[in-house]
Every structure is written in structure tokens, then in C-alpha cells.
Amino acid sequence: MSDAIKDVIAERERQQTVEGWTASHDDKHDMGQLAGAAVCYVVHGLRSAAKHSVHRSYWDWDEEWFKPTSRRRDLVKAAALILAEIERLDRAS
């Protein structure tokens, strides 16, 4: 398993254990909010690389939860949020 995959898994576990984002919490975000949050981190990473501003319309959640850091860390967070959205979709089907 690559370090990237390990980091994504670790971030998803951190979101659940430290932040308290349980499966039942995630299930309430059925309008693409988790994927939208991931997009914010990806766009922020793009901004860091290309010096563009983040387009704020991607998210529907409190700004206090948007904690960008380094480009790589932001991509790990984005991947973990995408994983959360996939898990939510799997549970919904």
C-alpha cells in the first residue's frame, strides 16, 4: 500500500475519531456536500500551485471546518472526503 493511500485512510479515520464525523452524520449530507468539501481542498491546492483564488460556491458548510494547510495535506483531506462520499453512496444504495 502506498503512503498516499495510507495517508488517505488515516485522514478518514481522523475525521471519524477526532472530528466525530460518523457514518450517520455523513448520511445527512446527501446533496453532495462531502464531495463539495473535497472540491474546496482540491481547488485550494490548485490555487497554491497556480496562484488562483478558491471559488467559494463549492461548499455548503461552516467555514470553521475549512482548514487548508499544505497542498499535499489538502489533497489527502480531499481524497478522504471523496472516500466519505463514496461510502455514503454505498450505504444509500
N, C-alpha and C. Protein backbone atom coordinates (compact mmCIF):
# COMPACT_ATOMS: atom_id res chain seq x y z
N MET A 1 0.85 -1.17 0.00
CA MET A 1 0.00 0.00 0.00
C MET A 1 0.90 1.24 0.00
N SER A 2 0.58 2.18 -0.86
CA SER A 2 1.41 3.39 -0.95
C SER A 2 1.18 4.31 0.25
N ASP A 3 2.13 5.23 0.47
CA ASP A 3 1.98 6.21 1.54
C ASP A 3 0.75 7.08 1.31
N ALA A 4 0.45 7.38 0.05
CA ALA A 4 -0.71 8.22 -0.25
C ALA A 4 -2.00 7.54 0.22
N ILE A 5 -2.13 6.26 -0.08
CA ILE A 5 -3.33 5.52 0.34
C ILE A 5 -3.38 5.43 1.86
N LYS A 6 -2.24 5.15 2.49
CA LYS A 6 -2.20 5.09 3.95
C LYS A 6 -2.62 6.43 4.56
N ASP A 7 -2.16 7.53 3.96
CA ASP A 7 -2.50 8.86 4.47
C ASP A 7 -3.98 9.16 4.31
N VAL A 8 -4.55 8.76 3.19
CA VAL A 8 -5.99 8.97 2.97
C VAL A 8 -6.79 8.19 4.00
N ILE A 9 -6.42 6.94 4.22
CA ILE A 9 -7.11 6.12 5.21
C ILE A 9 -6.95 6.72 6.61
N ALA A 10 -5.75 7.16 6.92
CA ALA A 10 -5.51 7.77 8.24
C ALA A 10 -6.33 9.04 8.40
N GLU A 11 -6.43 9.84 7.35
CA GLU A 11 -7.22 11.07 7.44
C GLU A 11 -8.69 10.75 7.62
N ARG A 12 -9.19 9.75 6.91
CA ARG A 12 -10.61 9.36 7.07
C ARG A 12 -10.86 8.89 8.50
N GLU A 13 -9.94 8.11 9.06
CA GLU A 13 -10.07 7.67 10.45
C GLU A 13 -10.02 8.85 11.41
N ARG A 14 -9.13 9.82 11.13
CA ARG A 14 -9.04 11.02 11.97
C ARG A 14 -10.33 11.82 11.92
N GLN A 15 -10.91 11.95 10.72
CA GLN A 15 -12.18 12.67 10.60
C GLN A 15 -13.25 12.03 11.47
N GLN A 16 -13.24 10.71 11.53
CA GLN A 16 -14.25 9.99 12.29
C GLN A 16 -13.97 10.03 13.80
N THR A 17 -12.72 9.78 14.20
CA THR A 17 -12.41 9.66 15.62
C THR A 17 -12.16 11.00 16.30
N VAL A 18 -11.46 11.91 15.63
CA VAL A 18 -11.13 13.20 16.24
C VAL A 18 -12.25 14.21 16.01
N GLU A 19 -12.70 14.34 14.77
CA GLU A 19 -13.73 15.33 14.43
C GLU A 19 -15.13 14.82 14.76
N GLY A 20 -15.29 13.50 14.87
CA GLY A 20 -16.59 12.95 15.21
C GLY A 20 -17.55 12.82 14.05
N TRP A 21 -17.03 12.81 12.83
CA TRP A 21 -17.90 12.70 11.66
C TRP A 21 -18.24 11.23 11.42
N THR A 22 -19.33 10.82 12.02
CA THR A 22 -19.78 9.43 11.95
C THR A 22 -20.49 9.15 10.63
N ALA A 23 -20.73 7.87 10.38
CA ALA A 23 -21.48 7.49 9.18
C ALA A 23 -22.87 8.12 9.19
N SER A 24 -23.52 8.15 10.34
CA SER A 24 -24.86 8.75 10.40
C SER A 24 -24.80 10.25 10.13
N HIS A 25 -23.74 10.91 10.57
CA HIS A 25 -23.57 12.33 10.25
C HIS A 25 -23.40 12.51 8.75
N ASP A 26 -22.49 11.72 8.18
CA ASP A 26 -22.22 11.82 6.74
C ASP A 26 -23.47 11.54 5.91
N ASP A 27 -24.30 10.62 6.37
CA ASP A 27 -25.51 10.24 5.63
C ASP A 27 -26.48 11.41 5.50
N LYS A 28 -26.40 12.37 6.40
CA LYS A 28 -27.29 13.54 6.33
C LYS A 28 -26.89 14.49 5.20
N HIS A 29 -25.68 14.36 4.70
CA HIS A 29 -25.17 15.25 3.66
C HIS A 29 -25.37 14.58 2.29
N ASP A 30 -26.62 14.50 1.88
CA ASP A 30 -26.97 13.76 0.67
C ASP A 30 -27.15 14.64 -0.56
N MET A 31 -26.66 15.87 -0.48
CA MET A 31 -26.74 16.78 -1.62
C MET A 31 -25.34 17.10 -2.17
N GLY A 32 -24.40 16.19 -1.95
CA GLY A 32 -23.06 16.36 -2.50
C GLY A 32 -22.13 17.19 -1.65
N GLN A 33 -22.52 17.47 -0.41
CA GLN A 33 -21.69 18.33 0.43
C GLN A 33 -20.31 17.76 0.70
N LEU A 34 -20.21 16.44 0.88
CA LEU A 34 -18.90 15.85 1.15
C LEU A 34 -17.99 15.99 -0.07
N ALA A 35 -18.53 15.72 -1.22
CA ALA A 35 -17.75 15.90 -2.45
C ALA A 35 -17.41 17.38 -2.65
N GLY A 36 -18.37 18.24 -2.31
CA GLY A 36 -18.12 19.69 -2.41
C GLY A 36 -17.00 20.14 -1.50
N ALA A 37 -16.96 19.57 -0.29
CA ALA A 37 -15.87 19.89 0.64
C ALA A 37 -14.54 19.42 0.06
N ALA A 38 -14.55 18.25 -0.56
CA ALA A 38 -13.33 17.74 -1.20
C ALA A 38 -12.88 18.69 -2.30
N VAL A 39 -13.83 19.18 -3.08
CA VAL A 39 -13.50 20.11 -4.16
C VAL A 39 -12.82 21.35 -3.61
N CYS A 40 -13.29 21.83 -2.46
CA CYS A 40 -12.66 23.02 -1.86
C CYS A 40 -11.18 22.79 -1.59
N TYR A 41 -10.86 21.62 -1.05
CA TYR A 41 -9.45 21.32 -0.78
C TYR A 41 -8.66 21.16 -2.07
N VAL A 42 -9.26 20.55 -3.07
CA VAL A 42 -8.57 20.40 -4.35
C VAL A 42 -8.34 21.77 -4.97
N VAL A 43 -9.37 22.62 -4.98
CA VAL A 43 -9.25 23.95 -5.58
C VAL A 43 -8.23 24.77 -4.81
N HIS A 44 -8.23 24.64 -3.49
CA HIS A 44 -7.23 25.36 -2.71
C HIS A 44 -5.82 24.89 -3.09
N GLY A 45 -5.68 23.59 -3.28
CA GLY A 45 -4.39 23.07 -3.73
C GLY A 45 -4.01 23.61 -5.10
N LEU A 46 -5.00 23.74 -5.98
CA LEU A 46 -4.73 24.33 -7.29
C LEU A 46 -4.32 25.78 -7.15
N ARG A 47 -5.01 26.48 -6.26
CA ARG A 47 -4.68 27.89 -6.04
C ARG A 47 -3.24 28.02 -5.55
N SER A 48 -2.86 27.12 -4.65
CA SER A 48 -1.49 27.16 -4.14
C SER A 48 -0.48 26.94 -5.26
N ALA A 49 -0.83 26.07 -6.19
CA ALA A 49 0.08 25.75 -7.30
C ALA A 49 0.03 26.80 -8.40
N ALA A 50 -1.17 27.34 -8.65
CA ALA A 50 -1.33 28.23 -9.81
C ALA A 50 -1.66 29.67 -9.43
N LYS A 51 -1.72 29.96 -8.15
CA LYS A 51 -1.99 31.32 -7.65
C LYS A 51 -3.37 31.83 -8.04
N HIS A 52 -4.39 30.94 -8.01
CA HIS A 52 -5.78 31.33 -8.26
C HIS A 52 -6.52 31.39 -6.94
N SER A 53 -7.66 32.07 -6.93
CA SER A 53 -8.46 32.11 -5.70
C SER A 53 -9.42 30.93 -5.65
N VAL A 54 -9.79 30.57 -4.45
CA VAL A 54 -10.73 29.47 -4.25
C VAL A 54 -12.13 29.98 -4.59
N HIS A 55 -12.87 29.22 -5.36
CA HIS A 55 -14.24 29.57 -5.70
C HIS A 55 -15.14 29.08 -4.57
N ARG A 56 -15.74 29.98 -3.82
CA ARG A 56 -16.41 29.66 -2.57
C ARG A 56 -17.76 28.96 -2.74
N SER A 57 -18.31 28.89 -3.94
CA SER A 57 -19.64 28.31 -4.10
C SER A 57 -19.64 26.78 -4.01
N TYR A 58 -18.51 26.14 -3.89
CA TYR A 58 -18.46 24.68 -3.83
C TYR A 58 -18.95 24.11 -2.51
N TRP A 59 -18.92 24.89 -1.43
CA TRP A 59 -19.24 24.29 -0.15
C TRP A 59 -20.54 24.82 0.44
N ASP A 60 -21.13 23.99 1.25
CA ASP A 60 -22.35 24.31 1.98
C ASP A 60 -22.15 23.86 3.42
N TRP A 61 -21.14 24.41 4.07
CA TRP A 61 -20.79 24.03 5.43
C TRP A 61 -20.07 25.19 6.08
N ASP A 62 -19.96 25.17 7.40
CA ASP A 62 -19.35 26.26 8.14
C ASP A 62 -17.87 26.41 7.79
N GLU A 63 -17.46 27.65 7.59
CA GLU A 63 -16.06 27.94 7.24
C GLU A 63 -15.07 27.46 8.29
N GLU A 64 -15.50 27.35 9.54
CA GLU A 64 -14.57 26.94 10.59
C GLU A 64 -13.99 25.55 10.34
N TRP A 65 -14.68 24.75 9.48
CA TRP A 65 -14.20 23.40 9.20
C TRP A 65 -13.23 23.37 8.03
N PHE A 66 -13.08 24.49 7.33
CA PHE A 66 -12.14 24.55 6.20
C PHE A 66 -10.78 24.97 6.75
N LYS A 67 -9.87 24.00 6.83
CA LYS A 67 -8.56 24.23 7.44
C LYS A 67 -7.45 23.84 6.47
N PRO A 68 -7.27 24.62 5.40
CA PRO A 68 -6.21 24.27 4.45
C PRO A 68 -4.84 24.41 5.09
N THR A 69 -3.94 23.55 4.64
CA THR A 69 -2.56 23.60 5.13
C THR A 69 -1.63 23.55 3.93
N SER A 70 -0.96 22.44 3.73
CA SER A 70 -0.08 22.30 2.56
C SER A 70 -0.86 21.68 1.40
N ARG A 71 -0.34 21.81 0.22
CA ARG A 71 -1.01 21.27 -0.95
C ARG A 71 -1.24 19.76 -0.81
N ARG A 72 -0.22 19.03 -0.40
CA ARG A 72 -0.36 17.57 -0.27
C ARG A 72 -1.38 17.22 0.80
N ARG A 73 -1.31 17.88 1.95
CA ARG A 73 -2.24 17.60 3.05
C ARG A 73 -3.67 17.90 2.60
N ASP A 74 -3.86 18.99 1.87
CA ASP A 74 -5.19 19.34 1.38
C ASP A 74 -5.72 18.28 0.41
N LEU A 75 -4.84 17.72 -0.41
CA LEU A 75 -5.27 16.66 -1.32
C LEU A 75 -5.60 15.38 -0.56
N VAL A 76 -4.86 15.10 0.53
CA VAL A 76 -5.20 13.95 1.37
C VAL A 76 -6.58 14.15 1.98
N LYS A 77 -6.86 15.35 2.48
CA LYS A 77 -8.18 15.64 3.04
C LYS A 77 -9.26 15.49 1.97
N ALA A 78 -8.99 16.00 0.79
CA ALA A 78 -9.96 15.89 -0.32
C ALA A 78 -10.24 14.44 -0.65
N ALA A 79 -9.19 13.63 -0.72
CA ALA A 79 -9.37 12.21 -1.04
C ALA A 79 -10.18 11.51 0.05
N ALA A 80 -9.92 11.86 1.30
CA ALA A 80 -10.67 11.26 2.41
C ALA A 80 -12.14 11.67 2.35
N LEU A 81 -12.41 12.92 1.97
CA LEU A 81 -13.79 13.37 1.84
C LEU A 81 -14.48 12.69 0.66
N ILE A 82 -13.75 12.48 -0.41
CA ILE A 82 -14.32 11.74 -1.54
C ILE A 82 -14.64 10.31 -1.11
N LEU A 83 -13.73 9.70 -0.33
CA LEU A 83 -13.99 8.37 0.21
C LEU A 83 -15.25 8.37 1.07
N ALA A 84 -15.42 9.41 1.88
CA ALA A 84 -16.63 9.52 2.72
C ALA A 84 -17.88 9.59 1.85
N GLU A 85 -17.81 10.32 0.76
CA GLU A 85 -18.96 10.43 -0.14
C GLU A 85 -19.24 9.09 -0.81
N ILE A 86 -18.21 8.38 -1.22
CA ILE A 86 -18.40 7.06 -1.84
C ILE A 86 -19.02 6.09 -0.83
N GLU A 87 -18.51 6.12 0.41
CA GLU A 87 -19.07 5.26 1.45
C GLU A 87 -20.55 5.59 1.70
N ARG A 88 -20.89 6.88 1.69
CA ARG A 88 -22.27 7.31 1.89
C ARG A 88 -23.16 6.81 0.75
N LEU A 89 -22.66 6.92 -0.48
CA LEU A 89 -23.41 6.44 -1.64
C LEU A 89 -23.64 4.93 -1.55
N ASP A 90 -22.59 4.20 -1.14
CA ASP A 90 -22.71 2.75 -1.00
C ASP A 90 -23.77 2.37 0.05
N ARG A 91 -23.80 3.11 1.16
CA ARG A 91 -24.78 2.84 2.19
C ARG A 91 -26.20 3.17 1.72
N ALA A 92 -26.32 4.20 0.90
CA ALA A 92 -27.64 4.64 0.43
C ALA A 92 -28.24 3.70 -0.60
N SER A 93 -27.40 2.92 -1.29
CA SER A 93 -27.93 2.05 -2.36
C SER A 93 -28.41 0.71 -1.87
